[in-house]
Every structure is written in structure tokens, then in C-alpha cells.
Amino acid sequence: MSIHKNNDDKGKKAFRLIMLAFAICTLLVTVLVCLITFFYGFDPMVSGHETAKPYLALWRLFIFIVIIGGWHTWMKLLAQWADLTPQQHQFNRQYRWRFALWLIVIEALLVQNILADLVDLFLTESG
């Protein structure tokens, strides 16, 4: 019983730390965007984003390769850290391609803006 409580505490602490890191990064990016917009205007920010698009795409591709390609390693490290049973470890390892599919769906819908393009196409053809 104490092993599970210790793992739960470890998981909660890790989750809180990750959420805090994401919140701080989001706040920093928001402040940076506001400062750039305030001091330089909106146009330089848009042109900078257009210039950075290929590099950001390479960054996302690299992250995808690291996550999907190293899935078994990451799951092994997670299993050791969280003291997972062999069944739990195998279950996590089997989620590799589901996770990859969701990454691709999110990339297509949100980053590549396919959903907005489809809605725009539908509205222009129907109206």
C-alpha cells in the first residue's frame, strides 16, 4: 500500500512540475509576443513567423522522431521510474502508434490549418 502511495505522490509531483513548466513557458511566450507587438508592431512579428515556419516545421519533425522513434526507451524509463508492472509496461508500449496518429492529427488540424481550409473550401463552394 505504501508503494502505491509513494508512486502516486511521485506522479503528482511530476505532473505539477510539468504543468508549472508549461505555464511558465506559456507566460514567457505571451509576454515576449506582447513586447514585440508593442515595440515593433504586428507586421515584423508576422514576417518573423513566416521566416521561422520552415525551422519550426523541422523542430516539430525532430520532436516527433524523438518521441515516436524512442518510444520503447521512454516507456522503459517510465516503467522504471513509476515501478510499473510488466503488464502496464506492455500496455504503454502498445500505445506508440495511437500516440503517433494523434500527433499527426493534431499537426494536420491545428498546425497545418487543414480544418480551417476545409471549412473555407466548403463555404466558398456552397455560397
Protein backbone atom coordinates (compact mmCIF):
# COMPACT_ATOMS: atom_id res chain seq x y z
CA MET A 1 0.00 0.00 0.00
CA SER A 2 2.80 2.41 0.82
CA ILE A 3 4.48 1.66 -2.52
CA HIS A 4 1.38 2.83 -4.41
CA LYS A 5 1.06 5.94 -2.25
CA ASN A 6 4.72 6.76 -2.89
CA ASN A 7 4.24 6.28 -6.65
CA ASP A 8 1.08 8.41 -6.58
CA ASP A 9 2.93 11.17 -4.75
CA LYS A 10 5.83 10.94 -7.20
CA GLY A 11 3.44 11.08 -10.15
CA LYS A 12 1.52 14.03 -8.72
CA LYS A 13 4.73 15.94 -8.06
CA ALA A 14 5.99 15.25 -11.58
CA PHE A 15 2.65 16.28 -13.08
CA ARG A 16 2.61 19.51 -11.08
CA LEU A 17 6.18 20.26 -12.09
CA ILE A 18 5.43 19.66 -15.78
CA MET A 19 2.28 21.81 -15.62
CA LEU A 20 4.20 24.58 -13.83
CA ALA A 21 6.91 24.46 -16.51
CA PHE A 22 4.29 24.68 -19.28
CA ALA A 23 2.54 27.57 -17.51
CA ILE A 24 5.81 29.48 -17.11
CA CYS A 25 6.79 28.86 -20.74
CA THR A 26 3.34 29.98 -21.91
CA LEU A 27 3.58 33.11 -19.81
CA LEU A 28 7.06 33.89 -21.15
CA VAL A 29 5.97 33.42 -24.78
CA THR A 30 2.89 35.60 -24.18
CA VAL A 31 5.00 38.36 -22.63
CA LEU A 32 7.50 38.11 -25.49
CA VAL A 33 4.76 38.37 -28.13
CA CYS A 34 3.21 41.35 -26.33
CA LEU A 35 6.58 43.11 -26.08
CA ILE A 36 7.42 42.50 -29.74
CA THR A 37 3.99 43.75 -30.78
CA PHE A 38 4.23 46.80 -28.51
CA PHE A 39 7.73 47.87 -29.54
CA TYR A 40 7.84 46.81 -33.20
CA GLY A 41 4.23 46.45 -34.28
CA PHE A 42 2.37 43.47 -35.65
CA ASP A 43 3.93 43.31 -39.13
CA PRO A 44 7.50 42.41 -38.07
CA MET A 45 6.12 39.66 -35.86
CA VAL A 46 4.13 38.20 -38.75
CA SER A 47 7.11 38.38 -41.11
CA GLY A 48 9.33 36.81 -38.45
CA HIS A 49 6.82 34.00 -38.04
CA GLU A 50 6.73 33.46 -41.81
CA THR A 51 10.53 33.34 -41.86
CA ALA A 52 10.63 30.85 -38.99
CA LYS A 53 7.96 28.48 -40.37
CA PRO A 54 10.37 26.04 -42.05
CA TYR A 55 12.58 25.90 -38.97
CA LEU A 56 9.57 25.36 -36.72
CA ALA A 57 8.41 22.55 -39.01
CA LEU A 58 11.84 20.92 -38.73
CA TRP A 59 11.69 21.31 -34.95
CA ARG A 60 8.28 19.59 -34.82
CA LEU A 61 9.52 16.81 -37.10
CA PHE A 62 12.54 16.31 -34.84
CA ILE A 63 10.30 16.15 -31.76
CA PHE A 64 8.02 13.61 -33.50
CA ILE A 65 11.02 11.44 -34.42
CA VAL A 66 12.42 11.61 -30.89
CA ILE A 67 9.08 10.74 -29.28
CA ILE A 68 7.97 8.04 -31.72
CA GLY A 69 11.40 6.63 -32.50
CA GLY A 70 12.42 6.48 -28.87
CA TRP A 71 9.02 5.28 -27.61
CA HIS A 72 10.33 1.98 -26.26
CA THR A 73 13.17 3.74 -24.43
CA TRP A 74 10.85 6.38 -22.98
CA MET A 75 8.40 3.70 -21.84
CA LYS A 76 11.21 1.68 -20.27
CA LEU A 77 12.36 4.76 -18.35
CA LEU A 78 8.78 5.50 -17.31
CA ALA A 79 8.28 1.91 -16.15
CA GLN A 80 11.45 2.07 -14.05
CA TRP A 81 10.60 5.47 -12.61
CA ALA A 82 6.97 4.63 -11.79
CA ASP A 83 7.59 0.99 -10.82
CA LEU A 84 5.08 -0.25 -13.40
CA THR A 85 4.12 -3.88 -13.62
CA PRO A 86 5.15 -5.79 -16.78
CA GLN A 87 1.52 -5.67 -17.93
CA GLN A 88 1.36 -1.89 -17.51
CA HIS A 89 4.69 -1.52 -19.29
CA GLN A 90 3.49 -3.63 -22.22
CA PHE A 91 0.23 -1.66 -22.35
CA ASN A 92 2.17 1.61 -22.59
CA ARG A 93 4.46 0.23 -25.28
CA GLN A 94 1.43 -0.73 -27.38
CA TYR A 95 0.21 2.89 -27.45
CA ARG A 96 3.08 4.02 -29.68
CA TRP A 97 1.18 4.18 -32.96
CA ARG A 98 -2.02 5.52 -31.40
CA PHE A 99 0.03 8.34 -29.93
CA ALA A 100 1.76 8.88 -33.29
CA LEU A 101 -1.60 9.02 -35.06
CA TRP A 102 -2.89 11.64 -32.61
CA LEU A 103 0.27 13.71 -33.09
CA ILE A 104 -0.29 13.65 -36.85
CA VAL A 105 -3.99 14.52 -36.48
CA ILE A 106 -3.19 17.45 -34.17
CA GLU A 107 -0.42 18.60 -36.52
CA ALA A 108 -2.75 18.47 -39.53
CA LEU A 109 -5.77 20.08 -37.92
CA LEU A 110 -4.19 22.73 -35.74
CA VAL A 111 -0.73 23.49 -37.09
CA GLN A 112 -1.23 22.97 -40.83
CA ASN A 113 -4.71 24.54 -40.55
CA ILE A 114 -6.39 21.84 -42.63
CA LEU A 115 -9.67 22.16 -40.73
CA ALA A 116 -9.92 25.88 -41.48
CA ASP A 117 -9.02 25.24 -45.12
CA LEU A 118 -11.77 22.61 -45.39
CA VAL A 119 -14.34 24.95 -43.79
CA ASP A 120 -13.22 27.75 -46.11
CA LEU A 121 -13.48 25.45 -49.13
CA PHE A 122 -16.93 24.30 -48.04
CA LEU A 123 -18.14 27.87 -47.51
CA THR A 124 -16.78 29.17 -50.82
CA GLU A 125 -18.29 26.29 -52.82
CA SER A 126 -21.67 26.37 -51.09
CA GLY A 127 -22.03 30.13 -51.09
